[in-house]
Amino acid sequence: MTLEVIAAVLVGAAAVWLVLQPLIAPGRPSAPVFEPLDPEETPKGVALAALKEIEFDRETGKLSDEDYAYLKGKYTGVALEALRAESAEQAARGDSAAGGGLGDVEVMIAARVRALRSAATSAPPGAPSCPTCGPRPEADAVFCSTCARRLRQGGACAGCGAALGPASRYCERCGAGVAA
């Protein structure tokens, strides 16, 4: 029985310690959370939002022509300064997207499109060829992946390896059917 009392006291003391510990000793400071700056909170974003608002107010008749001209000139100058500062900052960092204003995703997509186009133009000899789009990079393709036309087969027979003509439906040597 004394063993049970000692165990109960120890469990009770541990529970009290766990409950009171945050009150007695302050916790460790947490690391600051990185939150990217909202594009509308940048100087460029503020100026562009102001220009949109000015255009809207003029279209709805809330601004006179004189006020519109003054505000548009003011915020256009602010937007240009912000754009110049941003492009100078990107050039100083050496960003690859600084020149065209493209994001990383657009740069990756453009690179992939270039790679696919170069693969299409450098198809292996004997690869199927589309009458409209030219040689295709897919060696086993029957239809063009771009325009869906039937491809000219310039390959070899699967049965005997003999060369096939562009419009062949059957192999001239062994009579095997060409993939339709």
N, C-alpha and C. Protein backbone atom coordinates (compact mmCIF):
# COMPACT_ATOMS: atom_id res chain seq x y z
N MET A 1 0.82 -1.18 0.00
CA MET A 1 0.00 0.00 0.00
C MET A 1 0.87 1.25 0.00
N THR A 2 1.96 1.27 0.73
CA THR A 2 2.85 2.43 0.76
C THR A 2 3.47 2.68 -0.61
N LEU A 3 3.71 1.63 -1.35
CA LEU A 3 4.28 1.77 -2.70
C LEU A 3 3.28 2.49 -3.61
N GLU A 4 2.01 2.18 -3.47
CA GLU A 4 0.98 2.83 -4.27
C GLU A 4 0.83 4.30 -3.89
N VAL A 5 0.96 4.61 -2.61
CA VAL A 5 0.87 6.00 -2.16
C VAL A 5 2.04 6.79 -2.71
N ILE A 6 3.24 6.21 -2.67
CA ILE A 6 4.44 6.90 -3.18
C ILE A 6 4.29 7.14 -4.69
N ALA A 7 3.80 6.14 -5.43
CA ALA A 7 3.61 6.28 -6.87
C ALA A 7 2.57 7.36 -7.17
N ALA A 8 1.48 7.40 -6.39
CA ALA A 8 0.44 8.41 -6.59
C ALA A 8 0.97 9.80 -6.31
N VAL A 9 1.80 9.95 -5.27
CA VAL A 9 2.39 11.24 -4.94
C VAL A 9 3.33 11.68 -6.06
N LEU A 10 4.13 10.76 -6.58
CA LEU A 10 5.06 11.11 -7.66
C LEU A 10 4.29 11.52 -8.93
N VAL A 11 3.24 10.79 -9.28
CA VAL A 11 2.44 11.13 -10.46
C VAL A 11 1.75 12.47 -10.25
N GLY A 12 1.23 12.71 -9.06
CA GLY A 12 0.59 13.99 -8.75
C GLY A 12 1.58 15.14 -8.82
N ALA A 13 2.79 14.94 -8.29
CA ALA A 13 3.82 15.99 -8.33
C ALA A 13 4.23 16.28 -9.77
N ALA A 14 4.34 15.23 -10.59
CA ALA A 14 4.70 15.43 -12.00
C ALA A 14 3.60 16.21 -12.72
N ALA A 15 2.35 15.89 -12.45
CA ALA A 15 1.24 16.59 -13.09
C ALA A 15 1.20 18.05 -12.68
N VAL A 16 1.42 18.34 -11.40
CA VAL A 16 1.44 19.72 -10.92
C VAL A 16 2.61 20.47 -11.55
N TRP A 17 3.76 19.82 -11.63
CA TRP A 17 4.94 20.46 -12.24
C TRP A 17 4.67 20.79 -13.70
N LEU A 18 4.07 19.87 -14.46
CA LEU A 18 3.77 20.11 -15.88
C LEU A 18 2.77 21.25 -16.06
N VAL A 19 1.82 21.36 -15.15
CA VAL A 19 0.83 22.42 -15.26
C VAL A 19 1.42 23.77 -14.88
N LEU A 20 2.25 23.81 -13.86
CA LEU A 20 2.78 25.09 -13.36
C LEU A 20 4.06 25.54 -14.07
N GLN A 21 4.74 24.67 -14.77
CA GLN A 21 6.01 25.03 -15.40
C GLN A 21 5.88 26.20 -16.38
N PRO A 22 4.87 26.26 -17.26
CA PRO A 22 4.77 27.42 -18.15
C PRO A 22 4.53 28.73 -17.41
N LEU A 23 3.92 28.65 -16.22
CA LEU A 23 3.67 29.87 -15.45
C LEU A 23 4.90 30.33 -14.70
N ILE A 24 5.71 29.39 -14.26
CA ILE A 24 6.90 29.73 -13.46
C ILE A 24 8.05 30.18 -14.36
N ALA A 25 8.39 29.38 -15.36
CA ALA A 25 9.51 29.70 -16.25
C ALA A 25 8.96 30.09 -17.60
N PRO A 26 9.32 31.28 -18.09
CA PRO A 26 8.84 31.67 -19.41
C PRO A 26 9.44 30.76 -20.48
N GLY A 27 8.68 30.55 -21.55
CA GLY A 27 9.12 29.67 -22.63
C GLY A 27 10.23 30.30 -23.44
N ARG A 28 10.83 29.48 -24.25
CA ARG A 28 11.88 29.96 -25.14
C ARG A 28 11.27 30.85 -26.21
N PRO A 29 11.96 31.89 -26.59
CA PRO A 29 11.41 32.74 -27.66
C PRO A 29 11.38 31.95 -28.97
N SER A 30 10.27 32.03 -29.65
CA SER A 30 10.15 31.31 -30.91
C SER A 30 10.81 32.11 -32.02
N ALA A 31 11.24 31.38 -33.03
CA ALA A 31 11.88 32.03 -34.17
C ALA A 31 10.84 32.83 -34.94
N PRO A 32 11.22 33.99 -35.43
CA PRO A 32 10.25 34.79 -36.18
C PRO A 32 9.83 34.06 -37.45
N VAL A 33 8.58 34.16 -37.78
CA VAL A 33 8.03 33.51 -38.96
C VAL A 33 8.28 34.41 -40.16
N PHE A 34 8.83 33.82 -41.22
CA PHE A 34 9.07 34.59 -42.44
C PHE A 34 7.78 34.72 -43.22
N GLU A 35 7.36 35.94 -43.42
CA GLU A 35 6.19 36.22 -44.24
C GLU A 35 6.64 37.10 -45.40
N PRO A 36 6.49 36.60 -46.62
CA PRO A 36 6.90 37.43 -47.76
C PRO A 36 6.04 38.69 -47.83
N LEU A 37 6.64 39.73 -48.34
CA LEU A 37 5.96 41.01 -48.46
C LEU A 37 4.88 40.91 -49.52
N ASP A 38 3.70 41.38 -49.18
CA ASP A 38 2.58 41.39 -50.12
C ASP A 38 2.93 42.35 -51.25
N PRO A 39 2.73 41.94 -52.51
CA PRO A 39 3.10 42.82 -53.63
C PRO A 39 2.41 44.18 -53.57
N GLU A 40 1.23 44.24 -52.98
CA GLU A 40 0.54 45.53 -52.91
C GLU A 40 1.10 46.42 -51.81
N GLU A 41 1.98 45.90 -50.96
CA GLU A 41 2.58 46.71 -49.90
C GLU A 41 3.91 47.31 -50.32
N THR A 42 4.43 46.93 -51.47
CA THR A 42 5.68 47.49 -51.96
C THR A 42 5.40 48.87 -52.55
N PRO A 43 6.41 49.70 -52.69
CA PRO A 43 6.18 51.02 -53.30
C PRO A 43 5.59 50.90 -54.71
N LYS A 44 6.06 49.92 -55.47
CA LYS A 44 5.53 49.71 -56.81
C LYS A 44 4.05 49.34 -56.74
N GLY A 45 3.70 48.45 -55.84
CA GLY A 45 2.31 48.01 -55.70
C GLY A 45 1.39 49.13 -55.26
N VAL A 46 1.87 49.96 -54.34
CA VAL A 46 1.07 51.08 -53.86
C VAL A 46 0.81 52.06 -55.00
N ALA A 47 1.85 52.37 -55.77
CA ALA A 47 1.69 53.33 -56.86
C ALA A 47 0.77 52.78 -57.95
N LEU A 48 0.91 51.49 -58.28
CA LEU A 48 0.05 50.91 -59.32
C LEU A 48 -1.40 50.82 -58.85
N ALA A 49 -1.61 50.50 -57.58
CA ALA A 49 -2.98 50.47 -57.04
C ALA A 49 -3.59 51.86 -57.06
N ALA A 50 -2.78 52.89 -56.75
CA ALA A 50 -3.28 54.26 -56.78
C ALA A 50 -3.65 54.66 -58.20
N LEU A 51 -2.85 54.25 -59.19
CA LEU A 51 -3.18 54.57 -60.58
C LEU A 51 -4.48 53.89 -61.01
N LYS A 52 -4.68 52.65 -60.59
CA LYS A 52 -5.94 51.97 -60.92
C LYS A 52 -7.12 52.68 -60.28
N GLU A 53 -6.95 53.10 -59.04
CA GLU A 53 -8.02 53.79 -58.33
C GLU A 53 -8.33 55.13 -58.99
N ILE A 54 -7.30 55.83 -59.44
CA ILE A 54 -7.49 57.12 -60.11
C ILE A 54 -8.27 56.91 -61.41
N GLU A 55 -7.90 55.89 -62.18
CA GLU A 55 -8.62 55.59 -63.42
C GLU A 55 -10.09 55.27 -63.13
N PHE A 56 -10.33 54.47 -62.11
CA PHE A 56 -11.70 54.10 -61.74
C PHE A 56 -12.50 55.33 -61.32
N ASP A 57 -11.88 56.17 -60.49
CA ASP A 57 -12.59 57.37 -60.02
C ASP A 57 -12.92 58.31 -61.18
N ARG A 58 -12.04 58.40 -62.16
CA ARG A 58 -12.31 59.27 -63.31
C ARG A 58 -13.46 58.71 -64.14
N GLU A 59 -13.46 57.37 -64.35
CA GLU A 59 -14.50 56.75 -65.15
C GLU A 59 -15.87 56.85 -64.48
N THR A 60 -15.89 56.86 -63.17
CA THR A 60 -17.18 56.96 -62.47
C THR A 60 -17.58 58.40 -62.21
N GLY A 61 -16.76 59.36 -62.62
CA GLY A 61 -17.11 60.77 -62.49
C GLY A 61 -16.78 61.39 -61.15
N LYS A 62 -15.94 60.75 -60.36
CA LYS A 62 -15.58 61.29 -59.05
C LYS A 62 -14.42 62.28 -59.13
N LEU A 63 -13.67 62.28 -60.22
CA LEU A 63 -12.53 63.18 -60.36
C LEU A 63 -12.74 64.10 -61.56
N SER A 64 -12.35 65.35 -61.38
CA SER A 64 -12.38 66.27 -62.51
C SER A 64 -11.15 66.00 -63.38
N ASP A 65 -11.15 66.55 -64.59
CA ASP A 65 -10.03 66.34 -65.50
C ASP A 65 -8.74 66.93 -64.94
N GLU A 66 -8.82 68.06 -64.26
CA GLU A 66 -7.62 68.68 -63.69
C GLU A 66 -7.04 67.82 -62.57
N ASP A 67 -7.92 67.33 -61.67
CA ASP A 67 -7.46 66.48 -60.58
C ASP A 67 -6.88 65.17 -61.12
N TYR A 68 -7.54 64.64 -62.14
CA TYR A 68 -7.07 63.39 -62.75
C TYR A 68 -5.67 63.57 -63.33
N ALA A 69 -5.46 64.66 -64.09
CA ALA A 69 -4.15 64.90 -64.70
C ALA A 69 -3.07 65.07 -63.62
N TYR A 70 -3.37 65.82 -62.55
CA TYR A 70 -2.40 66.03 -61.48
C TYR A 70 -2.05 64.71 -60.79
N LEU A 71 -3.08 63.95 -60.39
CA LEU A 71 -2.83 62.70 -59.66
C LEU A 71 -2.16 61.64 -60.54
N LYS A 72 -2.57 61.57 -61.80
CA LYS A 72 -1.96 60.60 -62.70
C LYS A 72 -0.49 60.92 -62.90
N GLY A 73 -0.15 62.17 -63.09
CA GLY A 73 1.25 62.55 -63.24
C GLY A 73 2.07 62.24 -62.00
N LYS A 74 1.50 62.52 -60.83
CA LYS A 74 2.20 62.29 -59.57
C LYS A 74 2.46 60.79 -59.37
N TYR A 75 1.43 59.97 -59.49
CA TYR A 75 1.59 58.55 -59.20
C TYR A 75 2.29 57.80 -60.33
N THR A 76 2.25 58.32 -61.54
CA THR A 76 3.03 57.72 -62.62
C THR A 76 4.51 57.90 -62.33
N GLY A 77 4.90 59.07 -61.85
CA GLY A 77 6.30 59.30 -61.47
C GLY A 77 6.73 58.38 -60.33
N VAL A 78 5.86 58.23 -59.34
CA VAL A 78 6.19 57.35 -58.21
C VAL A 78 6.33 55.91 -58.69
N ALA A 79 5.45 55.47 -59.59
CA ALA A 79 5.51 54.10 -60.10
C ALA A 79 6.78 53.87 -60.91
N LEU A 80 7.15 54.86 -61.73
CA LEU A 80 8.38 54.73 -62.51
C LEU A 80 9.61 54.65 -61.61
N GLU A 81 9.67 55.46 -60.57
CA GLU A 81 10.79 55.40 -59.63
C GLU A 81 10.86 54.03 -58.95
N ALA A 82 9.70 53.51 -58.56
CA ALA A 82 9.67 52.20 -57.91
C ALA A 82 10.11 51.10 -58.86
N LEU A 83 9.67 51.18 -60.12
CA LEU A 83 10.08 50.17 -61.10
C LEU A 83 11.57 50.24 -61.38
N ARG A 84 12.12 51.44 -61.48
CA ARG A 84 13.56 51.58 -61.71
C ARG A 84 14.36 51.05 -60.52
N ALA A 85 13.89 51.36 -59.31
CA ALA A 85 14.58 50.87 -58.12
C ALA A 85 14.51 49.34 -58.04
N GLU A 86 13.37 48.78 -58.39
CA GLU A 86 13.22 47.32 -58.36
C GLU A 86 14.12 46.65 -59.39
N SER A 87 14.18 47.19 -60.61
CA SER A 87 15.03 46.59 -61.64
C SER A 87 16.51 46.74 -61.28
N ALA A 88 16.89 47.86 -60.66
CA ALA A 88 18.27 48.03 -60.23
C ALA A 88 18.61 47.04 -59.12
N GLU A 89 17.67 46.80 -58.21
CA GLU A 89 17.88 45.84 -57.13
C GLU A 89 18.02 44.42 -57.68
N GLN A 90 17.19 44.07 -58.65
CA GLN A 90 17.28 42.75 -59.26
C GLN A 90 18.58 42.58 -60.02
N ALA A 91 19.02 43.62 -60.71
CA ALA A 91 20.28 43.53 -61.43
C ALA A 91 21.45 43.39 -60.46
N ALA A 92 21.38 44.06 -59.31
CA ALA A 92 22.44 43.96 -58.32
C ALA A 92 22.49 42.56 -57.72
N ARG A 93 21.32 41.93 -57.55
CA ARG A 93 21.28 40.57 -57.01
C ARG A 93 21.67 39.56 -58.06
N GLY A 94 21.56 39.92 -59.34
CA GLY A 94 21.88 38.99 -60.41
C GLY A 94 20.76 38.04 -60.73
N ASP A 95 19.51 38.47 -60.51
CA ASP A 95 18.36 37.61 -60.82
C ASP A 95 18.32 37.33 -62.31
N SER A 96 18.01 36.08 -62.67
CA SER A 96 17.89 35.73 -64.09
C SER A 96 16.61 36.29 -64.68
N ALA A 97 15.63 36.57 -63.87
CA ALA A 97 14.35 37.06 -64.38
C ALA A 97 14.29 38.58 -64.42
N ALA A 98 15.38 39.27 -64.11
CA ALA A 98 15.35 40.72 -64.02
C ALA A 98 15.08 41.37 -65.38
N GLY A 99 15.59 40.77 -66.45
CA GLY A 99 15.46 41.40 -67.74
C GLY A 99 14.04 41.43 -68.26
N GLY A 100 13.36 40.29 -68.26
CA GLY A 100 12.05 40.23 -68.86
C GLY A 100 10.92 40.34 -67.87
N GLY A 101 11.19 40.40 -66.59
CA GLY A 101 10.13 40.47 -65.61
C GLY A 101 9.42 39.12 -65.44
N LEU A 102 10.03 38.05 -65.90
CA LEU A 102 9.41 36.75 -65.79
C LEU A 102 9.74 36.12 -64.45
N GLY A 103 8.82 35.36 -63.91
CA GLY A 103 9.06 34.64 -62.68
C GLY A 103 9.81 33.35 -62.96
N ASP A 104 10.18 32.65 -61.92
CA ASP A 104 10.91 31.40 -62.06
C ASP A 104 10.11 30.37 -62.84
N VAL A 105 8.82 30.32 -62.62
CA VAL A 105 7.99 29.33 -63.29
C VAL A 105 7.98 29.58 -64.80
N GLU A 106 7.83 30.83 -65.20
CA GLU A 106 7.80 31.15 -66.62
C GLU A 106 9.13 30.83 -67.29
N VAL A 107 10.23 31.06 -66.59
CA VAL A 107 11.55 30.76 -67.14
C VAL A 107 11.69 29.25 -67.33
N MET A 108 11.23 28.47 -66.35
CA MET A 108 11.31 27.01 -66.46
C MET A 108 10.44 26.50 -67.60
N ILE A 109 9.25 27.07 -67.76
CA ILE A 109 8.36 26.64 -68.84
C ILE A 109 8.97 26.98 -70.19
N ALA A 110 9.52 28.17 -70.32
CA ALA A 110 10.14 28.57 -71.59
C ALA A 110 11.31 27.65 -71.93
N ALA A 111 12.11 27.26 -70.94
CA ALA A 111 13.23 26.36 -71.18
C ALA A 111 12.73 24.99 -71.63
N ARG A 112 11.67 24.51 -71.01
CA ARG A 112 11.12 23.20 -71.38
C ARG A 112 10.55 23.23 -72.80
N VAL A 113 9.88 24.32 -73.16
CA VAL A 113 9.33 24.44 -74.52
C VAL A 113 10.46 24.46 -75.54
N ARG A 114 11.54 25.19 -75.26
CA ARG A 114 12.69 25.21 -76.17
C ARG A 114 13.29 23.82 -76.32
N ALA A 115 13.39 23.09 -75.21
CA ALA A 115 13.96 21.73 -75.27
C ALA A 115 13.08 20.81 -76.10
N LEU A 116 11.76 20.92 -75.94
CA LEU A 116 10.86 20.07 -76.71
C LEU A 116 10.89 20.42 -78.20
N ARG A 117 10.99 21.71 -78.49
CA ARG A 117 11.04 22.11 -79.90
C ARG A 117 12.34 21.65 -80.55
N SER A 118 13.44 21.73 -79.82
CA SER A 118 14.71 21.28 -80.41
C SER A 118 14.70 19.77 -80.55
N ALA A 119 14.04 19.05 -79.64
CA ALA A 119 13.94 17.59 -79.77
C ALA A 119 13.08 17.23 -80.97
N ALA A 120 12.06 18.03 -81.24
CA ALA A 120 11.19 17.74 -82.38
C ALA A 120 11.92 17.96 -83.70
N THR A 121 12.80 18.95 -83.74
CA THR A 121 13.53 19.22 -84.97
C THR A 121 14.71 18.30 -85.14
N SER A 122 15.19 17.70 -84.06
CA SER A 122 16.34 16.80 -84.15
C SER A 122 15.89 15.36 -83.91
N ALA A 123 14.84 14.95 -84.60
CA ALA A 123 14.34 13.59 -84.46
C ALA A 123 15.33 12.63 -85.09
N PRO A 124 15.39 11.40 -84.58
CA PRO A 124 16.33 10.43 -85.13
C PRO A 124 15.96 10.07 -86.57
N PRO A 125 16.93 9.63 -87.38
CA PRO A 125 16.60 9.26 -88.76
C PRO A 125 15.65 8.07 -88.77
N GLY A 126 14.70 8.11 -89.67
CA GLY A 126 13.71 7.04 -89.76
C GLY A 126 12.54 7.22 -88.82
N ALA A 127 12.52 8.28 -88.06
CA ALA A 127 11.42 8.53 -87.12
C ALA A 127 10.19 8.95 -87.91
N PRO A 128 9.00 8.73 -87.34
CA PRO A 128 7.79 9.15 -88.05
C PRO A 128 7.77 10.65 -88.29
N SER A 129 7.14 11.03 -89.39
CA SER A 129 7.11 12.43 -89.77
C SER A 129 5.69 12.85 -90.10
N CYS A 130 5.30 14.02 -89.60
CA CYS A 130 3.98 14.57 -89.88
C CYS A 130 4.09 15.42 -91.15
N PRO A 131 3.11 15.31 -92.06
CA PRO A 131 3.19 16.14 -93.27
C PRO A 131 3.11 17.63 -92.97
N THR A 132 2.49 18.02 -91.83
CA THR A 132 2.35 19.42 -91.48
C THR A 132 3.45 19.90 -90.55
N CYS A 133 3.70 19.14 -89.48
CA CYS A 133 4.60 19.58 -88.40
C CYS A 133 6.03 19.10 -88.54
N GLY A 134 6.29 18.14 -89.43
CA GLY A 134 7.64 17.64 -89.61
C GLY A 134 7.92 16.44 -88.72
N PRO A 135 9.21 16.08 -88.57
CA PRO A 135 9.57 14.89 -87.81
C PRO A 135 9.15 15.00 -86.35
N ARG A 136 8.72 13.87 -85.78
CA ARG A 136 8.25 13.82 -84.40
C ARG A 136 9.30 13.14 -83.53
N PRO A 137 9.46 13.56 -82.29
CA PRO A 137 10.46 12.94 -81.43
C PRO A 137 10.02 11.58 -80.89
N GLU A 138 8.73 11.26 -80.97
CA GLU A 138 8.24 9.98 -80.46
C GLU A 138 8.46 8.92 -81.53
N ALA A 139 9.31 7.95 -81.25
CA ALA A 139 9.65 6.95 -82.25
C ALA A 139 8.49 6.02 -82.56
N ASP A 140 7.60 5.77 -81.61
CA ASP A 140 6.52 4.82 -81.82
C ASP A 140 5.18 5.51 -82.09
N ALA A 141 5.19 6.79 -82.39
CA ALA A 141 3.95 7.54 -82.59
C ALA A 141 3.30 7.15 -83.91
N VAL A 142 1.98 7.09 -83.90
CA VAL A 142 1.21 6.81 -85.09
C VAL A 142 0.52 8.09 -85.57
N PHE A 143 0.13 8.94 -84.61
CA PHE A 143 -0.51 10.21 -84.92
C PHE A 143 0.34 11.35 -84.36
N CYS A 144 0.28 12.50 -85.02
CA CYS A 144 1.04 13.68 -84.59
C CYS A 144 0.49 14.18 -83.26
N SER A 145 1.38 14.48 -82.32
CA SER A 145 0.95 14.97 -81.01
C SER A 145 0.55 16.44 -81.06
N THR A 146 0.81 17.13 -82.17
CA THR A 146 0.44 18.53 -82.29
C THR A 146 -0.87 18.72 -83.05
N CYS A 147 -0.96 18.11 -84.24
CA CYS A 147 -2.15 18.35 -85.08
C CYS A 147 -3.03 17.10 -85.22
N ALA A 148 -2.64 15.97 -84.69
CA ALA A 148 -3.41 14.72 -84.69
C ALA A 148 -3.56 14.08 -86.06
N ARG A 149 -2.74 14.45 -87.03
CA ARG A 149 -2.78 13.79 -88.34
C ARG A 149 -2.01 12.48 -88.27
N ARG A 150 -2.33 11.58 -89.20
CA ARG A 150 -1.62 10.31 -89.29
C ARG A 150 -0.19 10.59 -89.76
N LEU A 151 0.76 9.96 -89.11
CA LEU A 151 2.17 10.19 -89.43
C LEU A 151 2.62 9.29 -90.57
N ARG A 152 3.57 9.80 -91.36
CA ARG A 152 4.21 8.96 -92.38
C ARG A 152 5.21 8.10 -91.67
N GLN A 153 5.15 6.84 -91.89
CA GLN A 153 6.08 5.92 -91.26
C GLN A 153 7.29 5.76 -92.16
N GLY A 154 8.43 6.11 -91.67
CA GLY A 154 9.65 5.96 -92.45
C GLY A 154 10.55 4.96 -91.79
N GLY A 155 10.00 4.11 -90.98
CA GLY A 155 10.80 3.18 -90.19
C GLY A 155 10.99 1.85 -90.87
N ALA A 156 11.20 0.83 -90.05
CA ALA A 156 11.45 -0.51 -90.54
C ALA A 156 10.36 -1.44 -90.05
N CYS A 157 10.21 -2.56 -90.72
CA CYS A 157 9.22 -3.56 -90.36
C CYS A 157 9.60 -4.19 -89.02
N ALA A 158 8.60 -4.37 -88.17
CA ALA A 158 8.87 -4.97 -86.86
C ALA A 158 9.18 -6.44 -86.99
N GLY A 159 8.67 -7.10 -88.04
CA GLY A 159 8.88 -8.54 -88.21
C GLY A 159 10.22 -8.90 -88.80
N CYS A 160 10.57 -8.27 -89.95
CA CYS A 160 11.80 -8.67 -90.63
C CYS A 160 12.86 -7.58 -90.70
N GLY A 161 12.50 -6.34 -90.37
CA GLY A 161 13.48 -5.26 -90.37
C GLY A 161 13.64 -4.58 -91.71
N ALA A 162 12.82 -4.94 -92.71
CA ALA A 162 12.93 -4.32 -94.02
C ALA A 162 12.44 -2.88 -93.96
N ALA A 163 12.99 -2.03 -94.83
CA ALA A 163 12.59 -0.62 -94.89
C ALA A 163 11.16 -0.52 -95.41
N LEU A 164 10.39 0.34 -94.81
CA LEU A 164 9.00 0.55 -95.20
C LEU A 164 8.86 1.86 -95.95
N GLY A 165 7.98 1.89 -96.91
CA GLY A 165 7.69 3.11 -97.64
C GLY A 165 6.84 4.03 -96.78
N PRO A 166 6.71 5.32 -97.17
CA PRO A 166 5.96 6.26 -96.35
C PRO A 166 4.48 5.93 -96.21
N ALA A 167 3.86 5.29 -97.19
CA ALA A 167 2.43 4.99 -97.10
C ALA A 167 2.17 3.50 -97.00
N SER A 168 3.14 2.73 -96.57
CA SER A 168 3.00 1.27 -96.51
C SER A 168 2.03 0.85 -95.43
N ARG A 169 1.15 -0.11 -95.80
CA ARG A 169 0.26 -0.72 -94.81
C ARG A 169 0.74 -2.12 -94.48
N TYR A 170 1.49 -2.73 -95.40
CA TYR A 170 2.04 -4.07 -95.21
C TYR A 170 3.49 -4.06 -95.64
N CYS A 171 4.29 -4.92 -95.03
CA CYS A 171 5.70 -5.06 -95.39
C CYS A 171 5.79 -5.76 -96.74
N GLU A 172 6.60 -5.24 -97.66
CA GLU A 172 6.74 -5.84 -98.99
C GLU A 172 7.52 -7.14 -98.94
N ARG A 173 8.34 -7.35 -97.93
CA ARG A 173 9.16 -8.55 -97.85
C ARG A 173 8.42 -9.69 -97.18
N CYS A 174 7.84 -9.45 -95.96
CA CYS A 174 7.24 -10.55 -95.21
C CYS A 174 5.72 -10.48 -95.14
N GLY A 175 5.10 -9.38 -95.54
CA GLY A 175 3.65 -9.27 -95.55
C GLY A 175 3.05 -8.89 -94.21
N ALA A 176 3.86 -8.60 -93.20
CA ALA A 176 3.35 -8.23 -91.89
C ALA A 176 2.65 -6.86 -91.96
N GLY A 177 1.59 -6.71 -91.20
CA GLY A 177 0.85 -5.45 -91.19
C GLY A 177 1.63 -4.37 -90.42
N VAL A 178 1.60 -3.17 -90.96
CA VAL A 178 2.25 -2.03 -90.32
C VAL A 178 1.25 -1.45 -89.32
N ALA A 179 1.74 -0.95 -88.20
CA ALA A 179 0.85 -0.37 -87.17
C ALA A 179 -0.05 0.67 -87.79
N ALA A 180 -1.34 0.53 -87.51
CA ALA A 180 -2.32 1.44 -88.12
C ALA A 180 -2.52 2.68 -87.30
